[in-house]
């Protein structure tokens, strides 16, 4: 994970706001793991970082 920095983000056609952003990278062996599963894993991590209450409320 990289550090959190503030970046300008387009909210809609007329609005730009500064929002905290962070890059996340994943390394894996392509011989063992298909890219589709790796992307799904990163999406789950992203969703849980953005909404940590989901981690506690999901059963």
N, C-alpha and C. Protein backbone atom coordinates (compact mmCIF):
# COMPACT_ATOMS: atom_id res chain seq x y z
N UNK A 1 0.84 -1.16 0.00
CA UNK A 1 0.00 0.00 0.00
C UNK A 1 0.89 1.23 0.00
N UNK A 2 0.43 2.22 -0.72
CA UNK A 2 1.14 3.48 -0.78
C UNK A 2 0.57 4.43 0.27
N UNK A 3 1.18 5.59 0.39
CA UNK A 3 0.69 6.57 1.36
C UNK A 3 -0.58 7.24 0.84
N UNK A 4 -1.36 7.77 1.76
CA UNK A 4 -2.59 8.47 1.41
C UNK A 4 -2.22 9.91 1.06
N UNK A 5 -2.66 10.35 -0.12
CA UNK A 5 -2.43 11.73 -0.54
C UNK A 5 -3.75 12.31 -1.04
N UNK A 6 -3.86 13.62 -1.02
CA UNK A 6 -5.05 14.30 -1.50
C UNK A 6 -4.91 14.55 -2.99
N UNK A 7 -5.96 14.16 -3.74
CA UNK A 7 -5.97 14.35 -5.20
C UNK A 7 -7.29 14.97 -5.62
N UNK A 8 -7.26 15.81 -6.66
CA UNK A 8 -8.52 16.35 -7.19
C UNK A 8 -9.29 15.26 -7.95
N UNK A 9 -10.57 15.13 -7.64
CA UNK A 9 -11.42 14.10 -8.23
C UNK A 9 -12.65 14.78 -8.82
N UNK A 10 -13.02 14.40 -10.05
CA UNK A 10 -14.24 14.91 -10.67
C UNK A 10 -15.44 14.21 -10.04
N UNK A 11 -16.31 14.98 -9.41
CA UNK A 11 -17.51 14.44 -8.79
C UNK A 11 -18.62 14.33 -9.83
N UNK A 12 -18.78 15.37 -10.60
CA UNK A 12 -19.69 15.36 -11.75
C UNK A 12 -19.13 16.32 -12.79
N UNK A 13 -19.91 16.66 -13.78
CA UNK A 13 -19.39 17.47 -14.89
C UNK A 13 -18.94 18.86 -14.45
N UNK A 14 -19.49 19.37 -13.35
CA UNK A 14 -19.18 20.74 -12.92
C UNK A 14 -18.46 20.84 -11.58
N UNK A 15 -18.16 19.71 -10.95
CA UNK A 15 -17.61 19.75 -9.60
C UNK A 15 -16.33 18.93 -9.50
N UNK A 16 -15.31 19.56 -8.92
CA UNK A 16 -14.05 18.87 -8.61
C UNK A 16 -13.78 19.07 -7.13
N UNK A 17 -13.48 17.98 -6.43
CA UNK A 17 -13.18 18.04 -5.00
C UNK A 17 -11.87 17.33 -4.71
N UNK A 18 -11.19 17.79 -3.67
CA UNK A 18 -9.99 17.10 -3.21
C UNK A 18 -10.42 15.96 -2.29
N UNK A 19 -9.92 14.75 -2.57
CA UNK A 19 -10.28 13.57 -1.79
C UNK A 19 -9.00 12.80 -1.45
N UNK A 20 -8.97 12.14 -0.28
CA UNK A 20 -7.81 11.30 0.05
C UNK A 20 -7.81 10.04 -0.82
N UNK A 21 -6.66 9.71 -1.38
CA UNK A 21 -6.54 8.54 -2.26
C UNK A 21 -5.29 7.76 -1.89
N UNK A 22 -5.31 6.45 -2.16
CA UNK A 22 -4.17 5.58 -1.90
C UNK A 22 -4.14 4.49 -2.96
N UNK A 23 -2.97 4.19 -3.46
CA UNK A 23 -2.81 3.09 -4.42
C UNK A 23 -2.57 1.79 -3.67
N UNK A 24 -3.16 0.71 -4.18
CA UNK A 24 -2.93 -0.63 -3.64
C UNK A 24 -2.47 -1.51 -4.79
N UNK A 25 -1.44 -2.31 -4.55
CA UNK A 25 -0.91 -3.21 -5.59
C UNK A 25 -0.92 -4.64 -5.05
N UNK A 26 -0.97 -5.58 -5.98
CA UNK A 26 -0.99 -7.00 -5.62
C UNK A 26 -0.04 -7.74 -6.55
N UNK A 27 0.79 -8.58 -5.98
CA UNK A 27 1.66 -9.46 -6.76
C UNK A 27 1.19 -10.89 -6.59
N UNK A 28 1.18 -11.64 -7.67
CA UNK A 28 0.77 -13.04 -7.59
C UNK A 28 1.40 -13.81 -8.74
N UNK A 29 1.44 -15.12 -8.59
CA UNK A 29 2.02 -16.00 -9.60
C UNK A 29 0.93 -16.34 -10.62
N UNK A 30 1.10 -15.85 -11.84
CA UNK A 30 0.11 -16.06 -12.90
C UNK A 30 -0.04 -17.54 -13.27
N UNK A 31 0.92 -18.35 -12.90
CA UNK A 31 0.81 -19.78 -13.19
C UNK A 31 -0.19 -20.46 -12.27
N UNK A 32 -0.44 -19.85 -11.12
CA UNK A 32 -1.31 -20.46 -10.12
C UNK A 32 -2.66 -19.75 -10.02
N UNK A 33 -2.64 -18.43 -10.08
CA UNK A 33 -3.86 -17.63 -9.88
C UNK A 33 -4.23 -16.92 -11.17
N UNK A 34 -5.49 -17.05 -11.55
CA UNK A 34 -6.01 -16.35 -12.72
C UNK A 34 -6.23 -14.87 -12.37
N UNK A 35 -6.05 -14.00 -13.33
CA UNK A 35 -6.22 -12.57 -13.10
C UNK A 35 -7.60 -12.20 -12.60
N UNK A 36 -8.63 -12.93 -13.03
CA UNK A 36 -10.00 -12.64 -12.61
C UNK A 36 -10.15 -12.77 -11.09
N UNK A 37 -9.58 -13.81 -10.51
CA UNK A 37 -9.65 -14.00 -9.07
C UNK A 37 -8.86 -12.91 -8.34
N UNK A 38 -7.72 -12.52 -8.88
CA UNK A 38 -6.90 -11.48 -8.26
C UNK A 38 -7.64 -10.14 -8.25
N UNK A 39 -8.29 -9.81 -9.36
CA UNK A 39 -9.06 -8.56 -9.43
C UNK A 39 -10.22 -8.61 -8.45
N UNK A 40 -10.89 -9.74 -8.35
CA UNK A 40 -11.98 -9.88 -7.38
C UNK A 40 -11.51 -9.69 -5.95
N UNK A 41 -10.32 -10.22 -5.64
CA UNK A 41 -9.74 -10.05 -4.31
C UNK A 41 -9.45 -8.58 -4.03
N UNK A 42 -8.83 -7.88 -4.98
CA UNK A 42 -8.53 -6.46 -4.80
C UNK A 42 -9.80 -5.63 -4.66
N UNK A 43 -10.84 -5.98 -5.41
CA UNK A 43 -12.11 -5.25 -5.30
C UNK A 43 -12.70 -5.44 -3.90
N UNK A 44 -12.62 -6.65 -3.36
CA UNK A 44 -13.12 -6.90 -2.01
C UNK A 44 -12.34 -6.08 -0.99
N UNK A 45 -11.02 -6.04 -1.12
CA UNK A 45 -10.18 -5.24 -0.21
C UNK A 45 -10.56 -3.77 -0.32
N UNK A 46 -10.70 -3.26 -1.52
CA UNK A 46 -11.09 -1.86 -1.75
C UNK A 46 -12.42 -1.56 -1.08
N UNK A 47 -13.41 -2.42 -1.29
CA UNK A 47 -14.73 -2.21 -0.71
C UNK A 47 -14.68 -2.19 0.82
N UNK A 48 -13.88 -3.09 1.41
CA UNK A 48 -13.78 -3.15 2.87
C UNK A 48 -13.02 -1.95 3.44
N UNK A 49 -12.02 -1.44 2.72
CA UNK A 49 -11.32 -0.24 3.18
C UNK A 49 -12.25 0.96 3.13
N UNK A 50 -13.06 1.05 2.07
CA UNK A 50 -13.98 2.18 1.93
C UNK A 50 -15.17 2.08 2.87
N UNK A 51 -15.56 0.86 3.26
CA UNK A 51 -16.72 0.64 4.14
C UNK A 51 -16.37 -0.40 5.20
N UNK A 52 -15.56 -0.05 6.20
CA UNK A 52 -15.11 -1.04 7.17
C UNK A 52 -16.24 -1.64 8.00
N UNK A 53 -17.37 -0.93 8.13
CA UNK A 53 -18.49 -1.49 8.89
C UNK A 53 -19.03 -2.76 8.24
N UNK A 54 -18.87 -2.91 6.93
CA UNK A 54 -19.32 -4.12 6.25
C UNK A 54 -18.58 -5.36 6.74
N UNK A 55 -17.33 -5.19 7.12
CA UNK A 55 -16.55 -6.32 7.63
C UNK A 55 -17.14 -6.85 8.93
N UNK A 56 -17.64 -5.95 9.76
CA UNK A 56 -18.20 -6.35 11.05
C UNK A 56 -19.65 -6.80 10.95
N UNK A 57 -20.40 -6.26 10.00
CA UNK A 57 -21.83 -6.54 9.92
C UNK A 57 -22.17 -7.74 9.05
N UNK A 58 -21.28 -8.11 8.12
CA UNK A 58 -21.56 -9.26 7.26
C UNK A 58 -21.37 -10.55 8.05
N UNK A 59 -22.25 -11.52 7.78
CA UNK A 59 -22.09 -12.81 8.47
C UNK A 59 -21.84 -13.91 7.47
